[in-house]
C-alpha atoms as a PDB file:
ATOM      1  CA  MET A   1     -36.633 -16.230  20.973  1.00  0.00           C
ATOM      2  CA  ALA A   2     -40.210 -16.287  19.451  1.00  0.00           C
ATOM      3  CA  ASP A   3     -42.728 -18.960  20.192  1.00  0.00           C
ATOM      4  CA  GLY A   4     -41.756 -21.160  17.608  1.00  0.00           C
ATOM      5  CA  SER A   5     -45.651 -20.403  15.566  1.00  0.00           C
ATOM      6  CA  ILE A   6     -45.024 -20.765  12.021  1.00  0.00           C
ATOM      7  CA  PRO A   7     -46.839 -18.417   9.477  1.00  0.00           C
ATOM      8  CA  ASN A   8     -48.165 -19.900   6.127  1.00  0.00           C
ATOM      9  CA  GLY A   9     -44.785 -19.485   4.010  1.00  0.00           C
ATOM     10  CA  PRO A  10     -41.662 -20.992   5.166  1.00  0.00           C
ATOM     11  CA  THR A  11     -39.319 -20.405   8.187  1.00  0.00           C
ATOM     12  CA  TYR A  12     -35.780 -20.033   8.306  1.00  0.00           C
ATOM     13  CA  PHE A  13     -33.500 -20.133  11.052  1.00  0.00           C
ATOM     14  CA  ALA A  14     -29.780 -21.052  12.499  1.00  0.00           C
ATOM     15  CA  CYS A  15     -29.172 -23.521  15.505  1.00  0.00           C
ATOM     16  CA  ARG A  16     -25.961 -23.561  17.167  1.00  0.00           C
ATOM     17  CA  TRP A  17     -25.257 -27.026  18.961  1.00  0.00           C
ATOM     18  CA  GLU A  18     -23.109 -26.801  21.717  1.00  0.00           C
ATOM     19  CA  HIS A  19     -21.306 -30.261  22.006  1.00  0.00           C
ATOM     20  CA  GLU A  20     -17.981 -31.906  21.783  1.00  0.00           C
ATOM     21  CA  SER A  21     -18.294 -34.592  18.848  1.00  0.00           C
ATOM     22  CA  PRO A  22     -16.297 -33.413  15.827  1.00  0.00           C
ATOM     23  CA  ASP A  23     -18.420 -35.374  13.410  1.00  0.00           C
ATOM     24  CA  ASP A  24     -21.605 -33.592  14.140  1.00  0.00           C
ATOM     25  CA  PRO A  25     -22.295 -30.014  12.986  1.00  0.00           C
ATOM     26  CA  VAL A  26     -22.272 -27.260  15.055  1.00  0.00           C
ATOM     27  CA  VAL A  27     -24.661 -25.306  13.333  1.00  0.00           C
ATOM     28  CA  LEU A  28     -27.839 -26.366  11.615  1.00  0.00           C
ATOM     29  CA  TYR A  29     -29.549 -23.973   9.239  1.00  0.00           C
ATOM     30  CA  GLU A  30     -32.823 -24.960   8.426  1.00  0.00           C
ATOM     31  CA  GLU A  31     -35.917 -23.898   5.868  1.00  0.00           C
ATOM     32  CA  ILE A  32     -39.136 -25.592   7.496  1.00  0.00           C
ATOM     33  CA  GLY A  33     -42.656 -25.403   5.752  1.00  0.00           C
ATOM     34  CA  ALA A  34     -45.981 -24.618   7.854  1.00  0.00           C
ATOM     35  CA  ASP A  35     -46.603 -28.320   8.369  1.00  0.00           C
ATOM     36  CA  ARG A  36     -42.875 -28.103  10.442  1.00  0.00           C
ATOM     37  CA  MET A  37     -41.208 -30.498   7.847  1.00  0.00           C
ATOM     38  CA  GLU A  38     -37.768 -29.785   6.418  1.00  0.00           C
ATOM     39  CA  ILE A  39     -37.195 -28.406   3.215  1.00  0.00           C
ATOM     40  CA  ARG A  40     -33.713 -27.255   2.999  1.00  0.00           C
ATOM     41  CA  LYS A  41     -30.966 -27.560   5.345  1.00  0.00           C
ATOM     42  CA  VAL A  42     -27.445 -26.838   5.434  1.00  0.00           C
ATOM     43  CA  HIS A  43     -24.981 -28.554   8.502  1.00  0.00           C
ATOM     44  CA  GLU A  44     -21.781 -26.321   9.833  1.00  0.00           C
ATOM     45  CA  TYR A  45     -19.016 -28.312  10.684  1.00  0.00           C
ATOM     46  CA  GLN A  46     -16.087 -27.330  13.446  1.00  0.00           C
ATOM     47  CA  ASP A  47     -13.912 -27.352  10.355  1.00  0.00           C
ATOM     48  CA  GLY A  48     -15.986 -24.947   8.480  1.00  0.00           C
ATOM     49  CA  ARG A  49     -17.423 -27.269   5.798  1.00  0.00           C
ATOM     50  CA  LEU A  50     -21.128 -26.405   4.926  1.00  0.00           C
ATOM     51  CA  VAL A  51     -22.969 -29.240   3.762  1.00  0.00           C
ATOM     52  CA  ARG A  52     -26.444 -28.947   2.246  1.00  0.00           C
ATOM     53  CA  SER A  53     -29.361 -31.285   1.344  1.00  0.00           C
ATOM     54  CA  ASP A  54     -32.761 -30.866   0.028  1.00  0.00           C
ATOM     55  CA  ARG A  55     -33.924 -34.520   0.316  1.00  0.00           C
ATOM     56  CA  VAL A  56     -34.951 -36.901   2.971  1.00  0.00           C
ATOM     57  CA  SER A  57     -32.281 -39.084   3.710  1.00  0.00           C
ATOM     58  CA  ASP A  58     -31.257 -41.585   6.869  1.00  0.00           C
ATOM     59  CA  SER A  59     -27.901 -40.119   6.527  1.00  0.00           C
ATOM     60  CA  LYS A  60     -26.968 -37.512   9.167  1.00  0.00           C
ATOM     61  CA  ASP A  61     -27.359 -34.644   6.616  1.00  0.00           C
ATOM     62  CA  GLY A  62     -30.180 -35.636   5.040  1.00  0.00           C
ATOM     63  CA  LEU A  63     -33.432 -34.184   5.697  1.00  0.00           C
ATOM     64  CA  SER A  64     -35.507 -35.171   8.870  1.00  0.00           C
ATOM     65  CA  TRP A  65     -38.570 -38.061   8.241  1.00  0.00           C
ATOM     66  CA  ALA A  66     -40.095 -36.219  11.117  1.00  0.00           C
ATOM     67  CA  PRO A  67     -41.470 -32.513  11.706  1.00  0.00           C
ATOM     68  CA  VAL A  68     -38.906 -30.282  13.766  1.00  0.00           C
ATOM     69  CA  PRO A  69     -40.240 -29.242  16.912  1.00  0.00           C
ATOM     70  CA  PRO A  70     -41.585 -25.749  18.249  1.00  0.00           C
ATOM     71  CA  LEU A  71     -38.807 -23.396  17.868  1.00  0.00           C
ATOM     72  CA  ASP A  72     -38.820 -22.120  21.554  1.00  0.00           C
ATOM     73  CA  GLU A  73     -38.795 -25.817  22.596  1.00  0.00           C
ATOM     74  CA  ILE A  74     -35.333 -26.082  20.807  1.00  0.00           C
ATOM     75  CA  ASP A  75     -34.282 -22.982  22.168  1.00  0.00           C
ATOM     76  CA  ALA A  76     -35.221 -24.159  25.756  1.00  0.00           C
ATOM     77  CA  ASP A  77     -32.426 -26.722  25.723  1.00  0.00           C
ATOM     78  CA  PRO A  78     -29.488 -25.517  27.495  1.00  0.00           C
ATOM     79  CA  ALA A  79     -27.431 -27.142  24.187  1.00  0.00           C
ATOM     80  CA  PHE A  80     -29.055 -25.306  21.479  1.00  0.00           C
ATOM     81  CA  SER A  81     -29.292 -21.659  20.600  1.00  0.00           C
ATOM     82  CA  VAL A  82     -31.965 -20.618  17.942  1.00  0.00           C
ATOM     83  CA  THR A  83     -31.602 -17.613  16.001  1.00  0.00           C
ATOM     84  CA  SER A  84     -34.201 -16.398  13.125  1.00  0.00           C
ATOM     85  CA  LEU A  85     -32.813 -15.913   9.537  1.00  0.00           C
ATOM     86  CA  THR A  86     -34.568 -14.303   6.834  1.00  0.00           C
ATOM     87  CA  SER A  87     -35.013 -16.298   3.389  1.00  0.00           C
ATOM     88  CA  ALA A  88     -31.829 -14.001   1.775  1.00  0.00           C
ATOM     89  CA  GLU A  89     -29.739 -15.162   5.234  1.00  0.00           C
ATOM     90  CA  PHE A  90     -30.280 -18.967   4.441  1.00  0.00           C
ATOM     91  CA  ASP A  91     -29.852 -18.550   0.711  1.00  0.00           C
ATOM     92  CA  ALA A  92     -26.203 -17.053   1.194  1.00  0.00           C
ATOM     93  CA  VAL A  93     -25.629 -19.938   3.286  1.00  0.00           C
ATOM     94  CA  TRP A  94     -27.337 -22.619   1.084  1.00  0.00           C
ATOM     95  CA  THR A  95     -25.076 -21.412  -1.945  1.00  0.00           C
ATOM     96  CA  ARG A  96     -22.031 -21.494  -0.161  1.00  0.00           C
ATOM     97  CA  ALA A  97     -22.552 -25.182   0.977  1.00  0.00           C
ATOM     98  CA  VAL A  98     -22.128 -28.261  -1.057  1.00  0.00           C
ATOM     99  CA  ASP A  99     -24.741 -31.274  -1.567  1.00  0.00           C
ATOM    100  CA  ALA A 100     -24.396 -34.015   0.896  1.00  0.00           C
ATOM    101  CA  GLU A 101     -23.593 -37.347  -0.611  1.00  0.00           C
END
């Protein structure tokens, strides 16, 4: 994984999350800005559901109020595995997802 630095434009990545909870996503697809804030994200659940959001919210599928940690820091946690995406790869997932409630 790269050092987690962000160029001037958005950065796209997928983060696989290894856990046992059926209520939490297993893959998080993220578009983040140069300020490390989420712009858009999609949560993929164990049952294959894809839920997207482009709004800050306190719901688990909404955008976070806090900046995303550096990607290399996330990737260093054994529960997570980060993969870089292109904007086209992210958009392909985004268009298949349904809006968060």
